[in-house]
Protein backbone atom coordinates (compact mmCIF):
# COMPACT_ATOMS: atom_id res chain seq x y z
CA UNK A 1 97.50 90.34 105.97
CA UNK A 2 99.30 90.17 102.64
CA UNK A 3 99.03 93.12 100.26
CA UNK A 4 100.16 93.94 96.74
CA UNK A 5 103.70 95.32 96.65
CA UNK A 6 105.67 96.85 93.77
CA UNK A 7 109.42 97.40 94.07
CA UNK A 8 111.77 98.92 91.52
CA UNK A 9 115.49 98.36 92.18
CA UNK A 10 118.07 99.82 89.80
CA UNK A 11 121.80 99.01 90.03
CA UNK A 12 121.56 96.87 93.18
CA UNK A 13 123.90 93.93 93.85
CA UNK A 14 122.98 90.50 92.45
CA UNK A 15 122.44 89.01 95.91
CA UNK A 16 119.69 91.59 96.57
CA UNK A 17 118.02 90.76 93.25
CA UNK A 18 118.16 87.09 94.23
CA UNK A 19 116.49 87.81 97.57
CA UNK A 20 113.76 89.79 95.82
CA UNK A 21 112.99 86.97 93.38
CA UNK A 22 112.40 84.58 96.29
CA UNK A 23 109.35 86.62 97.29
CA UNK A 24 108.36 88.68 94.23
CA UNK A 25 108.06 88.15 90.48
CA UNK A 26 110.41 90.16 88.24
CA UNK A 27 107.85 91.29 85.64
CA UNK A 28 110.38 93.40 83.73
CA UNK A 29 114.07 93.95 84.44
CA UNK A 30 114.41 95.64 87.84
CA UNK A 31 110.63 95.75 88.54
CA UNK A 32 109.26 93.29 91.12
CA UNK A 33 105.62 92.65 91.99
CA UNK A 34 103.97 90.37 94.52
CA UNK A 35 101.54 89.89 97.37
CA UNK A 36 103.51 89.63 100.61
CA UNK A 37 103.05 90.32 104.32
CA UNK A 38 104.12 93.59 105.93
CA UNK A 39 106.91 91.79 107.80
CA UNK A 40 108.39 90.32 104.60
CA UNK A 41 107.97 93.66 102.81
CA UNK A 42 109.81 95.54 105.56
CA UNK A 43 112.63 92.96 105.66
CA UNK A 44 113.05 93.13 101.89
CA UNK A 45 113.06 96.93 102.00
CA UNK A 46 115.78 96.92 104.67
CA UNK A 47 117.91 94.63 102.50
CA UNK A 48 117.39 96.74 99.38
CA UNK A 49 117.76 100.19 100.95
CA UNK A 50 120.86 99.07 102.88
CA UNK A 51 122.63 97.89 99.71
CA UNK A 52 121.41 100.38 97.13
CA UNK A 53 124.76 102.23 96.97
CA UNK A 54 124.74 104.39 93.84
CA UNK A 55 121.52 102.74 92.62
CA UNK A 56 117.91 103.71 93.17
CA UNK A 57 115.03 101.84 94.81
CA UNK A 58 111.33 102.66 95.02
CA UNK A 59 108.75 100.69 97.01
CA UNK A 60 104.97 101.13 96.65
CA UNK A 61 102.48 99.19 98.77
CA UNK A 62 98.87 99.41 99.89
CA UNK A 63 98.22 101.53 102.99
CA UNK A 64 95.25 102.77 104.99
CA UNK A 65 95.46 106.42 103.94
CA UNK A 66 93.67 108.79 101.56
CA UNK A 67 95.68 107.68 98.51
CA UNK A 68 95.50 103.99 99.38
CA UNK A 69 99.27 103.47 99.05
CA UNK A 70 102.59 104.37 100.65
CA UNK A 71 105.75 105.28 98.76
CA UNK A 72 109.36 104.75 99.95
CA UNK A 73 112.58 105.64 98.15
CA UNK A 74 116.30 104.96 98.64
CA UNK A 75 119.36 106.19 96.79
CA UNK A 76 120.14 109.32 94.84
CA UNK A 77 117.41 110.33 92.44
CA UNK A 78 115.77 113.44 91.04
CA UNK A 79 112.30 112.57 92.29
CA UNK A 80 111.63 112.84 96.02
CA UNK A 81 108.33 112.06 97.77
CA UNK A 82 107.03 115.04 99.74
CA UNK A 83 104.24 114.94 102.33
CA UNK A 84 101.67 117.64 101.55
CA UNK A 85 98.91 117.67 104.17
CA UNK A 86 98.82 113.87 104.31
CA UNK A 87 99.15 113.33 100.56
CA UNK A 88 102.37 112.10 99.01
CA UNK A 89 103.46 114.23 96.07
CA UNK A 90 106.60 113.74 94.00
CA UNK A 91 108.95 116.72 93.61
CA UNK A 92 111.62 117.06 90.96
CA UNK A 93 114.83 118.00 92.73
CA UNK A 94 117.63 120.08 91.24
CA UNK A 95 121.28 120.27 92.24
CA UNK A 96 120.69 121.91 95.66
CA UNK A 97 118.03 119.48 96.90
CA UNK A 98 114.53 119.71 98.35
CA UNK A 99 113.25 122.54 100.62
CA UNK A 100 112.78 125.13 97.92
CA UNK A 101 116.35 125.47 96.66
CA UNK A 102 116.84 123.83 93.30
CA UNK A 103 113.30 122.46 93.02
CA UNK A 104 111.93 122.57 89.49
CA UNK A 105 108.94 124.79 88.90
CA UNK A 106 105.71 123.19 87.74
């Protein structure tokens, strides 16, 4: 079953952007939206996350959980998804990383 998918890909190679535009619409620079199957979504995510290099990628898609969506990230970024009793929260990460050291206080 096809579901709505949103993918943000910053600083990825042109060939990855080309692959994304075959399946998704680039609504603004580096933001892709579309309704695709789970198989296509997973294949696209493998291509993007494998080539992200120094860039950043974020994938959001519908899921059968409490929040109704799943979040995946690739690359170096300050925001990291954290599982908190089945809910995905986003933590701001400092220089040392997640796990309490360097995490910004709310």
